[in-house]
Every structure is written in structure tokens, then in C-alpha cells.
């Protein structure tokens, strides 16, 4: 926790070290909420993220590193864009625990009543998972 400011206006996403699929993730504005004996990955939250359809998103870009000296990396031509299920609002006291708004994890968002699967394989502009190709055109 060294190096993290105790400024309570900053917001952090906290991920337990040995977990996956969104288990145990929480958000806090108070670093003192963390147990100093537990292990976490802590990220400072971006308050003004770029949005798609008013939703937060992340990109999954798949690469293959086949050599490091010299560095050789191949990027797969397609990837994935994952969107949250609740329209974004800057984090505040009343919405800080709304992980459907602030996180893009499929394992979390698939349980929201508004989660929408893509209806067909070529419907890139709908649903909460979209292709990298669509997203790059959108951007």
C-alpha cells in the first residue's frame, strides 16, 4: 500500500490477488478499507472514461509472443469489447457499490437484468460483448 495517497476523493478498484471472474472485487475511496495483510491489485479509477453508448468498456486484444530477443509479437486480427450493463455516472457515495456500472467483467454483468447477448454472429453493434473490429470503427 506504500505510495498510495490517502486522499479520500480518489477512487480505487481493488481486486484480490488469487481470484478470478470478478469474485471479491470492490471499489473504495478509502485506502484504510484494505487489510494491510492481504494481497491485492489496486488500480486508480478513471473518472472520465471514454464510453460506448454511455457504457464503460474494455478491450481484450489477443497477442502471441514468440520471441523476446529480438522481440516478436503477433496480434490476432480480432478481439473483444466488453461493456458494462448500467449507464455510467461518475463514482459517488450512492453508486460506488454498483459494479454493473463501474466494471466490465462478463462474470459480473451477465447476471444483470439488462445484460444482452448478441442475437446473431454478425450483430456487432448490439449486446454487451462486441467485436474489436466494430469497436475500432466506432472509435
Protein backbone atom coordinates (compact mmCIF):
# COMPACT_ATOMS: atom_id res chain seq x y z
CA UNK A 1 0.00 0.00 0.00
CA UNK A 2 3.04 2.26 0.05
CA UNK A 3 2.90 5.03 -2.48
CA UNK A 4 -0.91 5.21 -2.49
CA UNK A 5 -2.24 8.54 -1.39
CA UNK A 6 -4.72 8.68 1.47
CA UNK A 7 -6.69 11.35 -0.41
CA UNK A 8 -10.26 10.14 0.08
CA UNK A 9 -11.53 11.84 -3.11
CA UNK A 10 -9.68 9.33 -5.29
CA UNK A 11 -11.48 6.12 -6.12
CA UNK A 12 -9.81 2.72 -6.38
CA UNK A 13 -10.80 -0.64 -7.83
CA UNK A 14 -9.50 -3.41 -5.58
CA UNK A 15 -9.00 -6.96 -6.86
CA UNK A 16 -7.99 -9.83 -4.57
CA UNK A 17 -4.71 -11.44 -5.61
CA UNK A 18 -5.84 -15.04 -6.00
CA UNK A 19 -9.28 -14.66 -7.52
CA UNK A 20 -10.95 -14.60 -10.93
CA UNK A 21 -14.25 -13.86 -12.69
CA UNK A 22 -14.95 -10.76 -10.64
CA UNK A 23 -15.01 -12.53 -7.27
CA UNK A 24 -14.11 -10.25 -4.39
CA UNK A 25 -13.70 -7.08 -6.46
CA UNK A 26 -14.78 -3.90 -4.70
CA UNK A 27 -14.37 -0.17 -5.01
CA UNK A 28 -13.29 2.20 -2.31
CA UNK A 29 -12.40 5.81 -1.72
CA UNK A 30 -10.56 4.97 1.47
CA UNK A 31 -7.29 3.05 1.31
CA UNK A 32 -7.75 2.33 5.02
CA UNK A 33 -10.53 -0.11 3.95
CA UNK A 34 -7.79 -2.52 2.82
CA UNK A 35 -6.39 -5.13 5.15
CA UNK A 36 -2.62 -4.48 5.12
CA UNK A 37 -2.00 -8.25 5.48
CA UNK A 38 -4.00 -9.24 2.38
CA UNK A 39 -2.66 -9.11 -1.18
CA UNK A 40 -4.49 -7.02 -3.78
CA UNK A 41 -4.11 -5.46 -7.18
CA UNK A 42 -5.23 -1.86 -6.71
CA UNK A 43 -6.00 0.40 -9.65
CA UNK A 44 -6.82 4.06 -9.55
CA UNK A 45 -10.25 4.57 -11.11
CA UNK A 46 -10.54 6.83 -14.16
CA UNK A 47 -13.36 9.30 -13.52
CA UNK A 48 -13.86 10.39 -17.13
CA UNK A 49 -13.60 7.20 -19.21
CA UNK A 50 -14.32 7.00 -22.92
CA UNK A 51 -17.79 5.46 -23.32
CA UNK A 52 -19.71 3.49 -25.93
CA UNK A 53 -23.49 4.01 -25.77
CA UNK A 54 -22.94 5.67 -22.37
CA UNK A 55 -21.40 2.44 -21.03
CA UNK A 56 -17.89 1.74 -19.77
CA UNK A 57 -15.95 -0.77 -21.83
CA UNK A 58 -12.67 -2.61 -22.02
CA UNK A 59 -10.84 -4.31 -24.85
CA UNK A 60 -9.50 -7.83 -25.00
CA UNK A 61 -6.70 -7.93 -27.55
CA UNK A 62 -5.02 -11.28 -28.01
CA UNK A 63 -1.31 -11.48 -28.75
CA UNK A 64 1.26 -14.24 -29.12
CA UNK A 65 4.81 -13.50 -28.01
CA UNK A 66 7.03 -15.93 -29.87
CA UNK A 67 10.41 -14.40 -29.11
CA UNK A 68 11.95 -11.78 -26.86
CA UNK A 69 15.42 -11.25 -28.39
CA UNK A 70 14.55 -9.96 -30.88
CA UNK A 71 11.01 -9.21 -29.74
CA UNK A 72 8.44 -10.89 -31.99
CA UNK A 73 4.77 -10.40 -31.23
CA UNK A 74 1.77 -11.36 -33.34
CA UNK A 75 -1.60 -9.77 -32.71
CA UNK A 76 -4.69 -11.76 -33.57
CA UNK A 77 -6.79 -9.78 -36.05
CA UNK A 78 -9.94 -9.93 -33.92
CA UNK A 79 -10.57 -9.23 -30.27
CA UNK A 80 -13.40 -8.44 -27.93
CA UNK A 81 -15.01 -5.36 -26.42
CA UNK A 82 -16.86 -5.92 -23.14
CA UNK A 83 -19.36 -3.34 -21.92
CA UNK A 84 -20.90 -2.67 -18.54
CA UNK A 85 -24.67 -3.05 -18.24
CA UNK A 86 -25.60 0.19 -16.44
CA UNK A 87 -25.08 3.67 -17.92
CA UNK A 88 -22.02 5.36 -16.49
CA UNK A 89 -22.13 8.03 -13.83
CA UNK A 90 -19.01 9.28 -12.05
CA UNK A 91 -18.47 7.34 -8.82
CA UNK A 92 -20.07 8.83 -5.75
CA UNK A 93 -21.18 7.60 -2.35
CA UNK A 94 -24.53 6.30 -3.62
CA UNK A 95 -23.28 4.34 -6.66
CA UNK A 96 -19.81 3.18 -5.61
CA UNK A 97 -21.04 -0.34 -4.92
CA UNK A 98 -22.82 -0.65 -8.30
CA UNK A 99 -20.33 -2.96 -10.00
CA UNK A 100 -22.65 -3.28 -13.03
CA UNK A 101 -21.92 0.39 -13.74
CA UNK A 102 -18.23 0.55 -12.95
CA UNK A 103 -16.86 -2.84 -14.09
CA UNK A 104 -16.93 -4.61 -17.44
CA UNK A 105 -16.32 -8.18 -16.23
CA UNK A 106 -18.57 -10.63 -18.07
CA UNK A 107 -18.74 -12.81 -14.95
CA UNK A 108 -20.38 -9.90 -13.10
CA UNK A 109 -22.52 -8.29 -15.81
CA UNK A 110 -24.11 -11.49 -17.13
CA UNK A 111 -26.33 -11.55 -14.02
CA UNK A 112 -27.79 -8.07 -14.60
CA UNK A 113 -31.37 -8.00 -15.88
CA UNK A 114 -30.33 -5.77 -18.82
CA UNK A 115 -27.42 -7.93 -19.98
CA UNK A 116 -27.91 -8.58 -23.68
CA UNK A 117 -26.24 -11.33 -25.65
CA UNK A 118 -25.57 -10.74 -29.31
CA UNK A 119 -28.52 -12.20 -31.14
CA UNK A 120 -26.54 -13.26 -34.22
CA UNK A 121 -22.88 -13.66 -35.02
CA UNK A 122 -22.93 -10.56 -37.24
CA UNK A 123 -24.70 -8.18 -34.83
CA UNK A 124 -21.62 -6.27 -33.75
CA UNK A 125 -23.43 -3.08 -32.77
CA UNK A 126 -25.66 -4.57 -30.06
CA UNK A 127 -25.17 -6.54 -26.90
CA UNK A 128 -22.63 -6.24 -24.14
CA UNK A 129 -19.87 -8.09 -26.00
CA UNK A 130 -18.79 -6.64 -29.31
CA UNK A 131 -16.01 -7.32 -31.76
CA UNK A 132 -12.76 -5.40 -31.78
CA UNK A 133 -13.39 -4.60 -35.46
CA UNK A 134 -16.71 -2.90 -34.63
CA UNK A 135 -15.18 -1.04 -31.70
CA UNK A 136 -12.26 0.32 -33.70
CA UNK A 137 -14.69 1.58 -36.37
CA UNK A 138 -16.84 3.14 -33.64
CA UNK A 139 -13.86 4.91 -32.08
